[in-house]
């Protein structure tokens, strides 16, 4: 696709607000340690993308932006990843898309999944780990982003 990676300073206020709203809604919708089906958040709606792969979901985002009045979109999904210190955790990833711009950014919000109470352990709500982080570009990664 030959896309370019945007700099965070280049984001407009509306898209930045959509990113933060998407992270809040994405985390609120995750129960336990489940996988989040890719969801596209645009200003007026959230669209669940029933695709087989993440690449297909990314293609669907462009289709939605090309056929709607939305200027911006944020694709949300979650993954397992390893953070500093070797701790394996979950991350909610959000990717930004803008109409007629061949660039995107990816942000990660790391979190510990919620846990139901058991006989020997109390319940635990979902817990954010650190702040929302803009992920840098990595040449050795398949999709050009570090996790």
C-alpha atoms as a PDB file:
ATOM      1  CA  UNK A   1       0.000   0.000   0.000  1.00  0.00           C
ATOM      2  CA  UNK A   2       3.007   2.283   0.322  1.00  0.00           C
ATOM      3  CA  UNK A   3       1.561   4.247   3.184  1.00  0.00           C
ATOM      4  CA  UNK A   4       3.467   6.907   5.059  1.00  0.00           C
ATOM      5  CA  UNK A   5       3.605   7.172   8.818  1.00  0.00           C
ATOM      6  CA  UNK A   6       2.361  10.479  10.215  1.00  0.00           C
ATOM      7  CA  UNK A   7       3.964  12.442  13.031  1.00  0.00           C
ATOM      8  CA  UNK A   8       1.861  12.990  16.137  1.00  0.00           C
ATOM      9  CA  UNK A   9       2.216  16.760  15.766  1.00  0.00           C
ATOM     10  CA  UNK A  10       0.339  16.455  12.462  1.00  0.00           C
ATOM     11  CA  UNK A  11      -2.860  15.108  14.040  1.00  0.00           C
ATOM     12  CA  UNK A  12      -5.776  17.483  14.156  1.00  0.00           C
ATOM     13  CA  UNK A  13      -7.754  17.984  17.377  1.00  0.00           C
ATOM     14  CA  UNK A  14     -10.825  16.113  16.111  1.00  0.00           C
ATOM     15  CA  UNK A  15      -8.818  12.989  15.291  1.00  0.00           C
ATOM     16  CA  UNK A  16      -6.926  13.155  18.590  1.00  0.00           C
ATOM     17  CA  UNK A  17     -10.235  13.327  20.464  1.00  0.00           C
ATOM     18  CA  UNK A  18     -11.529  10.350  18.438  1.00  0.00           C
ATOM     19  CA  UNK A  19      -8.398   8.370  19.404  1.00  0.00           C
ATOM     20  CA  UNK A  20      -8.922   8.974  23.130  1.00  0.00           C
ATOM     21  CA  UNK A  21     -12.655   8.246  22.908  1.00  0.00           C
ATOM     22  CA  UNK A  22     -11.896   5.029  20.994  1.00  0.00           C
ATOM     23  CA  UNK A  23      -9.436   3.833  23.640  1.00  0.00           C
ATOM     24  CA  UNK A  24     -11.948   4.492  26.418  1.00  0.00           C
ATOM     25  CA  UNK A  25     -14.762   2.714  24.553  1.00  0.00           C
ATOM     26  CA  UNK A  26     -12.515  -0.150  23.472  1.00  0.00           C
ATOM     27  CA  UNK A  27     -11.297  -0.864  27.000  1.00  0.00           C
ATOM     28  CA  UNK A  28     -14.830  -0.559  28.389  1.00  0.00           C
ATOM     29  CA  UNK A  29     -16.060  -3.188  25.913  1.00  0.00           C
ATOM     30  CA  UNK A  30     -13.446  -5.827  26.799  1.00  0.00           C
ATOM     31  CA  UNK A  31     -14.511  -8.394  29.366  1.00  0.00           C
ATOM     32  CA  UNK A  32     -11.833 -10.598  30.838  1.00  0.00           C
ATOM     33  CA  UNK A  33      -9.104 -11.788  28.506  1.00  0.00           C
ATOM     34  CA  UNK A  34     -11.187 -11.858  25.323  1.00  0.00           C
ATOM     35  CA  UNK A  35     -10.090 -10.819  21.852  1.00  0.00           C
ATOM     36  CA  UNK A  36     -11.705  -7.687  20.498  1.00  0.00           C
ATOM     37  CA  UNK A  37     -13.071  -8.097  16.980  1.00  0.00           C
ATOM     38  CA  UNK A  38     -11.684  -5.196  14.912  1.00  0.00           C
ATOM     39  CA  UNK A  39     -13.963  -2.186  15.303  1.00  0.00           C
ATOM     40  CA  UNK A  40     -13.911   1.029  13.305  1.00  0.00           C
ATOM     41  CA  UNK A  41     -14.882   4.152  15.211  1.00  0.00           C
ATOM     42  CA  UNK A  42     -15.937   7.136  13.137  1.00  0.00           C
ATOM     43  CA  UNK A  43     -17.480  10.317  14.467  1.00  0.00           C
ATOM     44  CA  UNK A  44     -21.050   9.087  14.071  1.00  0.00           C
ATOM     45  CA  UNK A  45     -20.836   5.296  14.526  1.00  0.00           C
ATOM     46  CA  UNK A  46     -18.898   2.245  15.595  1.00  0.00           C
ATOM     47  CA  UNK A  47     -18.686  -0.476  12.954  1.00  0.00           C
ATOM     48  CA  UNK A  48     -17.719  -4.063  13.803  1.00  0.00           C
ATOM     49  CA  UNK A  49     -15.581  -5.360  10.929  1.00  0.00           C
ATOM     50  CA  UNK A  50     -16.335  -9.046  10.386  1.00  0.00           C
ATOM     51  CA  UNK A  51     -13.178  -9.866   8.449  1.00  0.00           C
ATOM     52  CA  UNK A  52     -10.869 -12.880   8.456  1.00  0.00           C
ATOM     53  CA  UNK A  53      -7.630 -10.920   8.828  1.00  0.00           C
ATOM     54  CA  UNK A  54      -6.413  -7.596  10.132  1.00  0.00           C
ATOM     55  CA  UNK A  55      -5.287  -6.636   6.621  1.00  0.00           C
ATOM     56  CA  UNK A  56      -8.864  -7.169   5.394  1.00  0.00           C
ATOM     57  CA  UNK A  57     -10.114  -4.971   8.243  1.00  0.00           C
ATOM     58  CA  UNK A  58      -7.658  -2.249   7.228  1.00  0.00           C
ATOM     59  CA  UNK A  59      -8.970  -2.439   3.659  1.00  0.00           C
ATOM     60  CA  UNK A  60     -12.526  -2.171   4.943  1.00  0.00           C
ATOM     61  CA  UNK A  61     -11.605   1.022   6.814  1.00  0.00           C
ATOM     62  CA  UNK A  62     -10.571   2.679   3.556  1.00  0.00           C
ATOM     63  CA  UNK A  63     -13.807   1.541   1.908  1.00  0.00           C
ATOM     64  CA  UNK A  64     -15.907   3.018   4.724  1.00  0.00           C
ATOM     65  CA  UNK A  65     -14.040   6.334   4.587  1.00  0.00           C
ATOM     66  CA  UNK A  66     -14.354   6.470   0.794  1.00  0.00           C
ATOM     67  CA  UNK A  67     -18.121   5.817   0.881  1.00  0.00           C
ATOM     68  CA  UNK A  68     -19.163   7.881   3.912  1.00  0.00           C
ATOM     69  CA  UNK A  69     -19.072  11.472   5.083  1.00  0.00           C
ATOM     70  CA  UNK A  70     -16.442  10.616   7.726  1.00  0.00           C
ATOM     71  CA  UNK A  71     -13.087  12.353   7.411  1.00  0.00           C
ATOM     72  CA  UNK A  72     -11.375  10.251  10.111  1.00  0.00           C
ATOM     73  CA  UNK A  73     -11.524   6.722  11.402  1.00  0.00           C
ATOM     74  CA  UNK A  74      -9.893   4.793  14.212  1.00  0.00           C
ATOM     75  CA  UNK A  75      -9.468   1.021  13.932  1.00  0.00           C
ATOM     76  CA  UNK A  76      -9.366  -0.778  17.309  1.00  0.00           C
ATOM     77  CA  UNK A  77      -8.218  -4.312  18.144  1.00  0.00           C
ATOM     78  CA  UNK A  78      -6.206  -5.997  20.885  1.00  0.00           C
ATOM     79  CA  UNK A  79      -3.168  -8.261  21.022  1.00  0.00           C
ATOM     80  CA  UNK A  80      -0.818  -9.964  23.445  1.00  0.00           C
ATOM     81  CA  UNK A  81       2.572  -8.290  23.661  1.00  0.00           C
ATOM     82  CA  UNK A  82       5.689  -8.190  25.824  1.00  0.00           C
ATOM     83  CA  UNK A  83       6.577  -4.893  27.472  1.00  0.00           C
ATOM     84  CA  UNK A  84       9.716  -3.698  29.261  1.00  0.00           C
ATOM     85  CA  UNK A  85      10.941  -6.133  31.872  1.00  0.00           C
ATOM     86  CA  UNK A  86       9.672  -9.101  29.879  1.00  0.00           C
ATOM     87  CA  UNK A  87       6.106  -8.887  31.213  1.00  0.00           C
ATOM     88  CA  UNK A  88       3.555 -10.401  28.834  1.00  0.00           C
ATOM     89  CA  UNK A  89       0.352  -8.374  28.766  1.00  0.00           C
ATOM     90  CA  UNK A  90      -2.517  -7.232  26.578  1.00  0.00           C
ATOM     91  CA  UNK A  91      -2.580  -4.076  24.485  1.00  0.00           C
ATOM     92  CA  UNK A  92      -5.471  -2.265  22.871  1.00  0.00           C
ATOM     93  CA  UNK A  93      -4.144  -0.929  19.574  1.00  0.00           C
ATOM     94  CA  UNK A  94      -5.742   1.931  17.679  1.00  0.00           C
ATOM     95  CA  UNK A  95      -4.753   2.939  14.156  1.00  0.00           C
ATOM     96  CA  UNK A  96      -5.684   6.296  12.683  1.00  0.00           C
ATOM     97  CA  UNK A  97      -6.994   6.793   9.165  1.00  0.00           C
ATOM     98  CA  UNK A  98      -7.843  10.004   7.323  1.00  0.00           C
ATOM     99  CA  UNK A  99      -9.753  10.456   4.087  1.00  0.00           C
ATOM    100  CA  UNK A 100      -7.497  11.078   1.078  1.00  0.00           C
ATOM    101  CA  UNK A 101      -4.307  10.658   3.112  1.00  0.00           C
ATOM    102  CA  UNK A 102      -2.036   7.666   2.620  1.00  0.00           C
ATOM    103  CA  UNK A 103      -0.681   7.637   6.160  1.00  0.00           C
ATOM    104  CA  UNK A 104      -1.585   6.230   9.538  1.00  0.00           C
ATOM    105  CA  UNK A 105      -0.405   6.142  13.118  1.00  0.00           C
ATOM    106  CA  UNK A 106      -0.719   3.408  15.726  1.00  0.00           C
ATOM    107  CA  UNK A 107      -1.154   3.883  19.453  1.00  0.00           C
ATOM    108  CA  UNK A 108      -1.127   1.292  22.228  1.00  0.00           C
ATOM    109  CA  UNK A 109      -2.796   1.244  25.604  1.00  0.00           C
ATOM    110  CA  UNK A 110      -1.351  -1.630  27.620  1.00  0.00           C
ATOM    111  CA  UNK A 111      -3.629  -3.224  30.209  1.00  0.00           C
ATOM    112  CA  UNK A 112      -4.176  -6.111  32.598  1.00  0.00           C
ATOM    113  CA  UNK A 113      -7.445  -7.882  31.792  1.00  0.00           C
ATOM    114  CA  UNK A 114     -10.213  -7.981  34.365  1.00  0.00           C
ATOM    115  CA  UNK A 115     -10.569 -11.133  36.388  1.00  0.00           C
ATOM    116  CA  UNK A 116     -13.680 -12.718  37.845  1.00  0.00           C
ATOM    117  CA  UNK A 117     -13.705 -13.633  41.489  1.00  0.00           C
ATOM    118  CA  UNK A 118     -12.884 -17.224  42.324  1.00  0.00           C
ATOM    119  CA  UNK A 119     -13.022 -19.195  45.523  1.00  0.00           C
ATOM    120  CA  UNK A 120      -9.530 -18.088  46.551  1.00  0.00           C
ATOM    121  CA  UNK A 121      -9.126 -14.783  44.715  1.00  0.00           C
ATOM    122  CA  UNK A 122     -11.143 -11.562  44.588  1.00  0.00           C
ATOM    123  CA  UNK A 123     -12.299 -10.043  41.319  1.00  0.00           C
ATOM    124  CA  UNK A 124     -10.044  -7.490  39.651  1.00  0.00           C
ATOM    125  CA  UNK A 125     -11.181  -4.770  37.214  1.00  0.00           C
ATOM    126  CA  UNK A 126      -9.341  -4.073  33.970  1.00  0.00           C
ATOM    127  CA  UNK A 127      -6.270  -1.991  34.790  1.00  0.00           C
ATOM    128  CA  UNK A 128      -4.426   0.328  32.418  1.00  0.00           C
ATOM    129  CA  UNK A 129      -0.638   0.019  32.400  1.00  0.00           C
ATOM    130  CA  UNK A 130       0.968   3.377  31.726  1.00  0.00           C
ATOM    131  CA  UNK A 131      -0.270   6.027  29.339  1.00  0.00           C
ATOM    132  CA  UNK A 132      -1.444   5.837  25.744  1.00  0.00           C
ATOM    133  CA  UNK A 133       1.739   5.353  23.702  1.00  0.00           C
ATOM    134  CA  UNK A 134       2.473   6.253  20.089  1.00  0.00           C
ATOM    135  CA  UNK A 135       4.273   3.293  18.536  1.00  0.00           C
ATOM    136  CA  UNK A 136       7.374   3.989  16.451  1.00  0.00           C
ATOM    137  CA  UNK A 137       8.067   2.605  13.019  1.00  0.00           C
ATOM    138  CA  UNK A 138      10.189  -0.589  12.930  1.00  0.00           C
ATOM    139  CA  UNK A 139      11.701  -1.636   9.615  1.00  0.00           C
ATOM    140  CA  UNK A 140      11.987  -5.288  10.661  1.00  0.00           C
ATOM    141  CA  UNK A 141       8.279  -5.713  11.463  1.00  0.00           C
ATOM    142  CA  UNK A 142       5.822  -7.050   8.895  1.00  0.00           C
ATOM    143  CA  UNK A 143       3.435  -4.095   9.245  1.00  0.00           C
ATOM    144  CA  UNK A 144       6.194  -1.519   9.976  1.00  0.00           C
ATOM    145  CA  UNK A 145       5.154  -0.835  13.603  1.00  0.00           C
ATOM    146  CA  UNK A 146       6.834  -1.900  16.819  1.00  0.00           C
ATOM    147  CA  UNK A 147       4.469  -3.504  19.326  1.00  0.00           C
END
